[in-house]
PDB file of all heavy atoms in Angstrom:
ATOM      1  N   ARG A   1      -0.318  28.384  -9.129  1.00  0.00           N
ATOM      2  CA  ARG A   1      -1.723  28.657  -8.824  1.00  0.00           C
ATOM      3  C   ARG A   1      -2.390  27.536  -8.031  1.00  0.00           C
ATOM      4  O   ARG A   1      -3.543  27.658  -7.632  1.00  0.00           O
ATOM      5  CB  ARG A   1      -2.512  28.900 -10.109  1.00  0.00           C
ATOM      6  CG  ARG A   1      -2.200  30.245 -10.727  1.00  0.00           C
ATOM      7  CD  ARG A   1      -3.323  30.668 -11.659  1.00  0.00           C
ATOM      8  NE  ARG A   1      -3.212  32.070 -12.016  1.00  0.00           N
ATOM      9  CZ  ARG A   1      -3.753  33.070 -11.327  1.00  0.00           C
ATOM     10  NH1 ARG A   1      -4.440  32.843 -10.246  1.00  0.00           N
ATOM     11  NH2 ARG A   1      -3.611  34.303 -11.737  1.00  0.00           N
ATOM     12  N   GLN A   2      -1.677  26.465  -7.780  1.00  0.00           N
ATOM     13  CA  GLN A   2      -2.243  25.354  -7.005  1.00  0.00           C
ATOM     14  C   GLN A   2      -2.434  25.799  -5.551  1.00  0.00           C
ATOM     15  O   GLN A   2      -1.572  26.468  -4.986  1.00  0.00           O
ATOM     16  CB  GLN A   2      -1.321  24.132  -7.042  1.00  0.00           C
ATOM     17  CG  GLN A   2      -1.128  23.546  -8.421  1.00  0.00           C
ATOM     18  CD  GLN A   2      -2.402  22.943  -8.960  1.00  0.00           C
ATOM     19  OE1 GLN A   2      -3.226  22.415  -8.233  1.00  0.00           O
ATOM     20  NE2 GLN A   2      -2.574  23.045 -10.268  1.00  0.00           N
ATOM     21  N   PRO A   3      -3.540  25.426  -4.935  1.00  0.00           N
ATOM     22  CA  PRO A   3      -3.804  25.848  -3.559  1.00  0.00           C
ATOM     23  C   PRO A   3      -2.740  25.429  -2.549  1.00  0.00           C
ATOM     24  O   PRO A   3      -2.551  26.087  -1.537  1.00  0.00           O
ATOM     25  CB  PRO A   3      -5.144  25.166  -3.230  1.00  0.00           C
ATOM     26  CG  PRO A   3      -5.749  24.809  -4.525  1.00  0.00           C
ATOM     27  CD  PRO A   3      -4.624  24.628  -5.496  1.00  0.00           C
ATOM     28  N   ASP A   4      -2.015  24.360  -2.848  1.00  0.00           N
ATOM     29  CA  ASP A   4      -1.021  23.879  -1.882  1.00  0.00           C
ATOM     30  C   ASP A   4       0.413  24.267  -2.247  1.00  0.00           C
ATOM     31  O   ASP A   4       1.355  23.841  -1.601  1.00  0.00           O
ATOM     32  CB  ASP A   4      -1.117  22.357  -1.739  1.00  0.00           C
ATOM     33  CG  ASP A   4      -0.850  21.632  -3.047  1.00  0.00           C
ATOM     34  OD1 ASP A   4      -0.914  22.267  -4.119  1.00  0.00           O
ATOM     35  OD2 ASP A   4      -0.579  20.419  -2.999  1.00  0.00           O
ATOM     36  N   ASP A   5       0.617  25.094  -3.267  1.00  0.00           N
ATOM     37  CA  ASP A   5       1.973  25.417  -3.714  1.00  0.00           C
ATOM     38  C   ASP A   5       2.589  26.580  -2.936  1.00  0.00           C
ATOM     39  O   ASP A   5       3.594  26.419  -2.282  1.00  0.00           O
ATOM     40  CB  ASP A   5       1.979  25.727  -5.220  1.00  0.00           C
ATOM     41  CG  ASP A   5       3.388  25.929  -5.740  1.00  0.00           C
ATOM     42  OD1 ASP A   5       4.075  24.924  -5.967  1.00  0.00           O
ATOM     43  OD2 ASP A   5       3.802  27.101  -5.890  1.00  0.00           O
ATOM     44  N   HIS A   6       2.026  27.757  -3.023  1.00  0.00           N
ATOM     45  CA  HIS A   6       2.454  28.937  -2.269  1.00  0.00           C
ATOM     46  C   HIS A   6       3.910  29.338  -2.512  1.00  0.00           C
ATOM     47  O   HIS A   6       4.550  29.891  -1.630  1.00  0.00           O
ATOM     48  CB  HIS A   6       2.218  28.753  -0.765  1.00  0.00           C
ATOM     49  CG  HIS A   6       0.822  28.434  -0.407  1.00  0.00           C
ATOM     50  ND1 HIS A   6      -0.214  29.344  -0.505  1.00  0.00           N
ATOM     51  CD2 HIS A   6       0.256  27.278   0.015  1.00  0.00           C
ATOM     52  CE1 HIS A   6      -1.339  28.777  -0.138  1.00  0.00           C
ATOM     53  NE2 HIS A   6      -1.098  27.520   0.175  1.00  0.00           N
ATOM     54  N   ARG A   7       4.444  29.073  -3.704  1.00  0.00           N
ATOM     55  CA  ARG A   7       5.841  29.425  -3.983  1.00  0.00           C
ATOM     56  C   ARG A   7       6.062  30.935  -3.972  1.00  0.00           C
ATOM     57  O   ARG A   7       7.189  31.391  -3.880  1.00  0.00           O
ATOM     58  CB  ARG A   7       6.315  28.805  -5.295  1.00  0.00           C
ATOM     59  CG  ARG A   7       5.732  29.376  -6.547  1.00  0.00           C
ATOM     60  CD  ARG A   7       6.179  28.664  -7.823  1.00  0.00           C
ATOM     61  NE  ARG A   7       6.083  27.242  -7.683  1.00  0.00           N
ATOM     62  CZ  ARG A   7       7.153  26.431  -7.663  1.00  0.00           C
ATOM     63  NH1 ARG A   7       8.335  26.902  -7.863  1.00  0.00           N
ATOM     64  NH2 ARG A   7       6.993  25.152  -7.481  1.00  0.00           N
ATOM     65  N   HIS A   8       4.993  31.725  -4.057  1.00  0.00           N
ATOM     66  CA  HIS A   8       5.101  33.180  -4.069  1.00  0.00           C
ATOM     67  C   HIS A   8       5.370  33.763  -2.680  1.00  0.00           C
ATOM     68  O   HIS A   8       5.795  34.908  -2.560  1.00  0.00           O
ATOM     69  CB  HIS A   8       3.816  33.797  -4.636  1.00  0.00           C
ATOM     70  CG  HIS A   8       2.617  33.524  -3.788  1.00  0.00           C
ATOM     71  ND1 HIS A   8       1.981  32.290  -3.775  1.00  0.00           N
ATOM     72  CD2 HIS A   8       1.932  34.309  -2.926  1.00  0.00           C
ATOM     73  CE1 HIS A   8       0.964  32.343  -2.942  1.00  0.00           C
ATOM     74  NE2 HIS A   8       0.908  33.550  -2.410  1.00  0.00           N
ATOM     75  N   LEU A   9       5.133  32.988  -1.647  1.00  0.00           N
ATOM     76  CA  LEU A   9       5.297  33.485  -0.281  1.00  0.00           C
ATOM     77  C   LEU A   9       6.754  33.458   0.152  1.00  0.00           C
ATOM     78  O   LEU A   9       7.510  32.554  -0.203  1.00  0.00           O
ATOM     79  CB  LEU A   9       4.460  32.638   0.694  1.00  0.00           C
ATOM     80  CG  LEU A   9       2.947  32.706   0.523  1.00  0.00           C
ATOM     81  CD1 LEU A   9       2.269  31.733   1.477  1.00  0.00           C
ATOM     82  CD2 LEU A   9       2.446  34.133   0.726  1.00  0.00           C
ATOM     83  N   PRO A  10       7.167  34.438   0.968  1.00  0.00           N
ATOM     84  CA  PRO A  10       8.542  34.451   1.468  1.00  0.00           C
ATOM     85  C   PRO A  10       8.936  33.160   2.190  1.00  0.00           C
ATOM     86  O   PRO A  10      10.064  32.687   2.040  1.00  0.00           O
ATOM     87  CB  PRO A  10       8.558  35.643   2.436  1.00  0.00           C
ATOM     88  CG  PRO A  10       7.496  36.550   1.914  1.00  0.00           C
ATOM     89  CD  PRO A  10       6.424  35.625   1.381  1.00  0.00           C
ATOM     90  N   LYS A  11       8.002  32.566   2.938  1.00  0.00           N
ATOM     91  CA  LYS A  11       8.345  31.360   3.689  1.00  0.00           C
ATOM     92  C   LYS A  11       8.662  30.180   2.777  1.00  0.00           C
ATOM     93  O   LYS A  11       9.213  29.182   3.239  1.00  0.00           O
ATOM     94  CB  LYS A  11       7.230  30.990   4.675  1.00  0.00           C
ATOM     95  CG  LYS A  11       5.961  30.517   4.027  1.00  0.00           C
ATOM     96  CD  LYS A  11       4.919  30.179   5.070  1.00  0.00           C
ATOM     97  CE  LYS A  11       3.650  29.642   4.422  1.00  0.00           C
ATOM     98  NZ  LYS A  11       2.657  29.280   5.415  1.00  0.00           N
ATOM     99  N   ASN A  12       8.344  30.276   1.505  1.00  0.00           N
ATOM    100  CA  ASN A  12       8.677  29.216   0.559  1.00  0.00           C
ATOM    101  C   ASN A  12       9.769  29.650  -0.416  1.00  0.00           C
ATOM    102  O   ASN A  12      10.772  28.971  -0.566  1.00  0.00           O
ATOM    103  CB  ASN A  12       7.433  28.751  -0.196  1.00  0.00           C
ATOM    104  CG  ASN A  12       6.445  28.084   0.723  1.00  0.00           C
ATOM    105  OD1 ASN A  12       6.830  27.411   1.670  1.00  0.00           O
ATOM    106  ND2 ASN A  12       5.176  28.284   0.481  1.00  0.00           N
ATOM    107  N   GLY A  13       9.568  30.782  -1.093  1.00  0.00           N
ATOM    108  CA  GLY A  13      10.539  31.242  -2.082  1.00  0.00           C
ATOM    109  C   GLY A  13      11.893  31.573  -1.484  1.00  0.00           C
ATOM    110  O   GLY A  13      12.931  31.080  -1.946  1.00  0.00           O
ATOM    111  N   LEU A  14      11.905  32.413  -0.441  1.00  0.00           N
ATOM    112  CA  LEU A  14      13.178  32.774   0.185  1.00  0.00           C
ATOM    113  C   LEU A  14      13.848  31.564   0.810  1.00  0.00           C
ATOM    114  O   LEU A  14      15.070  31.402   0.736  1.00  0.00           O
ATOM    115  CB  LEU A  14      12.965  33.856   1.251  1.00  0.00           C
ATOM    116  CG  LEU A  14      12.580  35.238   0.744  1.00  0.00           C
ATOM    117  CD1 LEU A  14      12.289  36.176   1.915  1.00  0.00           C
ATOM    118  CD2 LEU A  14      13.652  35.806  -0.162  1.00  0.00           C
ATOM    119  N   LEU A  15      13.042  30.714   1.427  1.00  0.00           N
ATOM    120  CA  LEU A  15      13.575  29.503   2.047  1.00  0.00           C
ATOM    121  C   LEU A  15      14.276  28.621   1.015  1.00  0.00           C
ATOM    122  O   LEU A  15      15.388  28.141   1.251  1.00  0.00           O
ATOM    123  CB  LEU A  15      12.423  28.733   2.696  1.00  0.00           C
ATOM    124  CG  LEU A  15      12.740  27.920   3.923  1.00  0.00           C
ATOM    125  CD1 LEU A  15      13.078  28.816   5.090  1.00  0.00           C
ATOM    126  CD2 LEU A  15      11.554  27.043   4.277  1.00  0.00           C
ATOM    127  N   GLN A  16      13.643  28.434  -0.133  1.00  0.00           N
ATOM    128  CA  GLN A  16      14.245  27.570  -1.148  1.00  0.00           C
ATOM    129  C   GLN A  16      15.535  28.174  -1.704  1.00  0.00           C
ATOM    130  O   GLN A  16      16.534  27.472  -1.876  1.00  0.00           O
ATOM    131  CB  GLN A  16      13.273  27.304  -2.292  1.00  0.00           C
ATOM    132  CG  GLN A  16      13.859  26.339  -3.312  1.00  0.00           C
ATOM    133  CD  GLN A  16      12.862  25.884  -4.340  1.00  0.00           C
ATOM    134  OE1 GLN A  16      11.665  25.896  -4.111  1.00  0.00           O
ATOM    135  NE2 GLN A  16      13.359  25.467  -5.482  1.00  0.00           N
ATOM    136  N   ILE A  17      15.544  29.471  -1.965  1.00  0.00           N
ATOM    137  CA  ILE A  17      16.745  30.112  -2.509  1.00  0.00           C
ATOM    138  C   ILE A  17      17.900  30.023  -1.523  1.00  0.00           C
ATOM    139  O   ILE A  17      19.002  29.585  -1.864  1.00  0.00           O
ATOM    140  CB  ILE A  17      16.441  31.570  -2.897  1.00  0.00           C
ATOM    141  CG1 ILE A  17      15.525  31.589  -4.130  1.00  0.00           C
ATOM    142  CG2 ILE A  17      17.722  32.347  -3.167  1.00  0.00           C
ATOM    143  CD1 ILE A  17      14.921  32.946  -4.435  1.00  0.00           C
ATOM    144  N   VAL A  18      17.660  30.436  -0.295  1.00  0.00           N
ATOM    145  CA  VAL A  18      18.733  30.432   0.708  1.00  0.00           C
ATOM    146  C   VAL A  18      19.195  29.009   0.998  1.00  0.00           C
ATOM    147  O   VAL A  18      20.398  28.739   1.090  1.00  0.00           O
ATOM    148  CB  VAL A  18      18.289  31.161   1.997  1.00  0.00           C
ATOM    149  CG1 VAL A  18      19.303  30.945   3.121  1.00  0.00           C
ATOM    150  CG2 VAL A  18      18.099  32.643   1.721  1.00  0.00           C
ATOM    151  N   ASN A  19      18.274  28.078   1.121  1.00  0.00           N
ATOM    152  CA  ASN A  19      18.683  26.713   1.453  1.00  0.00           C
ATOM    153  C   ASN A  19      19.360  26.001   0.287  1.00  0.00           C
ATOM    154  O   ASN A  19      20.162  25.092   0.500  1.00  0.00           O
ATOM    155  CB  ASN A  19      17.508  25.927   2.018  1.00  0.00           C
ATOM    156  CG  ASN A  19      17.189  26.396   3.430  1.00  0.00           C
ATOM    157  OD1 ASN A  19      18.008  27.030   4.094  1.00  0.00           O
ATOM    158  ND2 ASN A  19      15.994  26.113   3.888  1.00  0.00           N
ATOM    159  N   THR A  20      19.078  26.401  -0.936  1.00  0.00           N
ATOM    160  CA  THR A  20      19.845  25.892  -2.079  1.00  0.00           C
ATOM    161  C   THR A  20      21.297  26.317  -1.932  1.00  0.00           C
ATOM    162  O   THR A  20      22.224  25.522  -2.141  1.00  0.00           O
ATOM    163  CB  THR A  20      19.256  26.423  -3.408  1.00  0.00           C
ATOM    164  OG1 THR A  20      17.932  25.906  -3.562  1.00  0.00           O
ATOM    165  CG2 THR A  20      20.107  26.021  -4.598  1.00  0.00           C
ATOM    166  N   LEU A  21      21.508  27.565  -1.538  1.00  0.00           N
ATOM    167  CA  LEU A  21      22.871  28.064  -1.330  1.00  0.00           C
ATOM    168  C   LEU A  21      23.515  27.415  -0.107  1.00  0.00           C
ATOM    169  O   LEU A  21      24.703  27.094  -0.118  1.00  0.00           O
ATOM    170  CB  LEU A  21      22.842  29.583  -1.194  1.00  0.00           C
ATOM    171  CG  LEU A  21      22.443  30.322  -2.478  1.00  0.00           C
ATOM    172  CD1 LEU A  21      22.054  31.764  -2.173  1.00  0.00           C
ATOM    173  CD2 LEU A  21      23.565  30.250  -3.502  1.00  0.00           C
ATOM    174  N   ALA A  22      22.732  27.194   0.944  1.00  0.00           N
ATOM    175  CA  ALA A  22      23.254  26.530   2.143  1.00  0.00           C
ATOM    176  C   ALA A  22      23.698  25.105   1.817  1.00  0.00           C
ATOM    177  O   ALA A  22      24.731  24.635   2.307  1.00  0.00           O
ATOM    178  CB  ALA A  22      22.206  26.525   3.244  1.00  0.00           C
ATOM    179  N   PHE A  23      22.929  24.419   0.992  1.00  0.00           N
ATOM    180  CA  PHE A  23      23.288  23.062   0.577  1.00  0.00           C
ATOM    181  C   PHE A  23      24.647  23.048  -0.122  1.00  0.00           C
ATOM    182  O   PHE A  23      25.402  22.090   0.002  1.00  0.00           O
ATOM    183  CB  PHE A  23      22.199  22.499  -0.342  1.00  0.00           C
ATOM    184  CG  PHE A  23      22.483  21.122  -0.849  1.00  0.00           C
ATOM    185  CD1 PHE A  23      22.352  20.021  -0.019  1.00  0.00           C
ATOM    186  CD2 PHE A  23      22.906  20.922  -2.154  1.00  0.00           C
ATOM    187  CE1 PHE A  23      22.622  18.742  -0.474  1.00  0.00           C
ATOM    188  CE2 PHE A  23      23.186  19.648  -2.628  1.00  0.00           C
ATOM    189  CZ  PHE A  23      23.035  18.547  -1.786  1.00  0.00           C
ATOM    190  N   ARG A  24      24.977  24.119  -0.811  1.00  0.00           N
ATOM    191  CA  ARG A  24      26.282  24.237  -1.486  1.00  0.00           C
ATOM    192  C   ARG A  24      27.392  24.657  -0.532  1.00  0.00           C
ATOM    193  O   ARG A  24      28.544  24.764  -0.923  1.00  0.00           O
ATOM    194  CB  ARG A  24      26.194  25.251  -2.622  1.00  0.00           C
ATOM    195  CG  ARG A  24      25.265  24.826  -3.732  1.00  0.00           C
ATOM    196  CD  ARG A  24      25.240  25.873  -4.811  1.00  0.00           C
ATOM    197  NE  ARG A  24      24.131  25.640  -5.710  1.00  0.00           N
ATOM    198  CZ  ARG A  24      23.624  26.559  -6.517  1.00  0.00           C
ATOM    199  NH1 ARG A  24      24.145  27.774  -6.536  1.00  0.00           N
ATOM    200  NH2 ARG A  24      22.616  26.267  -7.298  1.00  0.00           N
ATOM    201  N   GLY A  25      27.015  24.973   0.706  1.00  0.00           N
ATOM    202  CA  GLY A  25      28.010  25.306   1.712  1.00  0.00           C
ATOM    203  C   GLY A  25      28.453  26.756   1.729  1.00  0.00           C
ATOM    204  O   GLY A  25      29.481  27.080   2.309  1.00  0.00           O
ATOM    205  N   VAL A  26      27.661  27.671   1.141  1.00  0.00           N
ATOM    206  CA  VAL A  26      28.086  29.070   1.093  1.00  0.00           C
ATOM    207  C   VAL A  26      27.385  29.961   2.124  1.00  0.00           C
ATOM    208  O   VAL A  26      27.711  31.138   2.241  1.00  0.00           O
ATOM    209  CB  VAL A  26      27.926  29.670  -0.331  1.00  0.00           C
ATOM    210  CG1 VAL A  26      28.830  28.964  -1.321  1.00  0.00           C
ATOM    211  CG2 VAL A  26      26.490  29.637  -0.795  1.00  0.00           C
ATOM    212  N   CYS A  27      26.437  29.387   2.876  1.00  0.00           N
ATOM    213  CA  CYS A  27      25.786  30.129   3.952  1.00  0.00           C
ATOM    214  C   CYS A  27      25.100  29.129   4.884  1.00  0.00           C
ATOM    215  O   CYS A  27      25.056  27.940   4.594  1.00  0.00           O
ATOM    216  CB  CYS A  27      24.775  31.149   3.416  1.00  0.00           C
ATOM    217  SG  CYS A  27      23.313  30.440   2.639  1.00  0.00           S
ATOM    218  N   ASP A  28      24.578  29.660   5.981  1.00  0.00           N
ATOM    219  CA  ASP A  28      23.812  28.830   6.911  1.00  0.00           C
ATOM    220  C   ASP A  28      22.403  28.603   6.368  1.00  0.00           C
ATOM    221  O   ASP A  28      21.894  29.402   5.580  1.00  0.00           O
ATOM    222  CB  ASP A  28      23.710  29.506   8.282  1.00  0.00           C
ATOM    223  CG  ASP A  28      25.047  29.579   8.999  1.00  0.00           C
ATOM    224  OD1 ASP A  28      25.927  28.736   8.711  1.00  0.00           O
ATOM    225  OD2 ASP A  28      25.218  30.490   9.831  1.00  0.00           O
ATOM    226  N   VAL A  29      21.777  27.542   6.840  1.00  0.00           N
ATOM    227  CA  VAL A  29      20.407  27.245   6.408  1.00  0.00           C
ATOM    228  C   VAL A  29      19.438  28.258   6.990  1.00  0.00           C
ATOM    229  O   VAL A  29      19.738  28.950   7.967  1.00  0.00           O
ATOM    230  CB  VAL A  29      19.963  25.813   6.810  1.00  0.00           C
ATOM    231  CG1 VAL A  29      20.811  24.767   6.129  1.00  0.00           C
ATOM    232  CG2 VAL A  29      19.933  25.654   8.301  1.00  0.00           C
ATOM    233  N   LEU A  30      18.275  28.312   6.373  1.00  0.00           N
ATOM    234  CA  LEU A  30      17.176  29.129   6.855  1.00  0.00           C
ATOM    235  C   LEU A  30      16.074  28.153   7.237  1.00  0.00           C
ATOM    236  O   LEU A  30      15.580  27.407   6.394  1.00  0.00           O
ATOM    237  CB  LEU A  30      16.712  30.072   5.735  1.00  0.00           C
ATOM    238  CG  LEU A  30      15.763  31.192   6.057  1.00  0.00           C
ATOM    239  CD1 LEU A  30      16.300  32.082   7.176  1.00  0.00           C
ATOM    240  CD2 LEU A  30      15.534  32.026   4.811  1.00  0.00           C
ATOM    241  N   LEU A  31      15.741  28.124   8.524  1.00  0.00           N
ATOM    242  CA  LEU A  31      14.787  27.140   9.005  1.00  0.00           C
ATOM    243  C   LEU A  31      13.348  27.586   8.778  1.00  0.00           C
ATOM    244  O   LEU A  31      13.030  28.770   8.912  1.00  0.00           O
ATOM    245  CB  LEU A  31      15.011  26.880  10.498  1.00  0.00           C
ATOM    246  CG  LEU A  31      16.374  26.312  10.860  1.00  0.00           C
ATOM    247  CD1 LEU A  31      16.527  26.235  12.363  1.00  0.00           C
ATOM    248  CD2 LEU A  31      16.570  24.946  10.227  1.00  0.00           C
ATOM    249  N   PRO A  32      12.466  26.652   8.450  1.00  0.00           N
ATOM    250  CA  PRO A  32      11.046  26.997   8.316  1.00  0.00           C
ATOM    251  C   PRO A  32      10.516  27.559   9.624  1.00  0.00           C
ATOM    252  O   PRO A  32      10.970  27.190  10.709  1.00  0.00           O
ATOM    253  CB  PRO A  32      10.383  25.655   7.994  1.00  0.00           C
ATOM    254  CG  PRO A  32      11.470  24.776   7.498  1.00  0.00           C
ATOM    255  CD  PRO A  32      12.728  25.239   8.187  1.00  0.00           C
ATOM    256  N   GLY A  33       9.567  28.458   9.516  1.00  0.00           N
ATOM    257  CA  GLY A  33       8.964  29.036  10.719  1.00  0.00           C
ATOM    258  C   GLY A  33       9.804  30.103  11.365  1.00  0.00           C
ATOM    259  O   GLY A  33       9.609  30.440  12.521  1.00  0.00           O
ATOM    260  N   THR A  34      10.769  30.660  10.605  1.00  0.00           N
ATOM    261  CA  THR A  34      11.654  31.692  11.140  1.00  0.00           C
ATOM    262  C   THR A  34      10.932  33.032  11.175  1.00  0.00           C
ATOM    263  O   THR A  34      11.089  33.856  10.295  1.00  0.00           O
ATOM    264  CB  THR A  34      12.939  31.800  10.288  1.00  0.00           C
ATOM    265  OG1 THR A  34      13.517  30.510  10.177  1.00  0.00           O
ATOM    266  CG2 THR A  34      13.942  32.753  10.884  1.00  0.00           C
ATOM    267  N   GLY A  35      10.106  33.268  12.158  1.00  0.00           N
ATOM    268  CA  GLY A  35       9.440  34.552  12.354  1.00  0.00           C
ATOM    269  C   GLY A  35       8.443  34.913  11.276  1.00  0.00           C
ATOM    270  O   GLY A  35       8.057  34.107  10.442  1.00  0.00           O
ATOM    271  N   ASP A  36       8.023  36.176  11.300  1.00  0.00           N
ATOM    272  CA  ASP A  36       7.078  36.672  10.303  1.00  0.00           C
ATOM    273  C   ASP A  36       7.804  36.954   8.996  1.00  0.00           C
ATOM    274  O   ASP A  36       9.010  36.777   8.880  1.00  0.00           O
ATOM    275  CB  ASP A  36       6.355  37.914  10.832  1.00  0.00           C
ATOM    276  CG  ASP A  36       7.310  39.074  11.110  1.00  0.00           C
ATOM    277  OD1 ASP A  36       8.434  39.105  10.564  1.00  0.00           O
ATOM    278  OD2 ASP A  36       6.922  39.971  11.875  1.00  0.00           O
ATOM    279  N   GLU A  37       7.061  37.439   8.016  1.00  0.00           N
ATOM    280  CA  GLU A  37       7.650  37.617   6.687  1.00  0.00           C
ATOM    281  C   GLU A  37       8.776  38.657   6.678  1.00  0.00           C
ATOM    282  O   GLU A  37       9.766  38.492   5.978  1.00  0.00           O
ATOM    283  CB  GLU A  37       6.538  37.901   5.680  1.00  0.00           C
ATOM    284  CG  GLU A  37       6.435  39.232   5.095  1.00  0.00           C
ATOM    285  CD  GLU A  37       5.165  39.396   4.279  1.00  0.00           C
ATOM    286  OE1 GLU A  37       4.467  38.433   3.936  1.00  0.00           O
ATOM    287  OE2 GLU A  37       4.874  40.551   3.987  1.00  0.00           O
ATOM    288  N   GLN A  38       8.655  39.725   7.470  1.00  0.00           N
ATOM    289  CA  GLN A  38       9.727  40.728   7.526  1.00  0.00           C
ATOM    290  C   GLN A  38      10.973  40.168   8.215  1.00  0.00           C
ATOM    291  O   GLN A  38      12.096  40.429   7.789  1.00  0.00           O
ATOM    292  CB  GLN A  38       9.243  42.007   8.225  1.00  0.00           C
ATOM    293  CG  GLN A  38       8.278  42.823   7.379  1.00  0.00           C
ATOM    294  CD  GLN A  38       8.872  43.225   6.034  1.00  0.00           C
ATOM    295  OE1 GLN A  38       9.991  43.709   5.943  1.00  0.00           O
ATOM    296  NE2 GLN A  38       8.113  43.007   4.973  1.00  0.00           N
TER     297      GLN A  38
END
């Protein structure tokens, strides 16, 4: 609920999930600013 958190948004939640997996070497990273939410 913090104004600066925004973990509910795709640009934060999806980014963190995919990049956690990328860090483990199982996929490519997802860069911030990758298009619109869809």
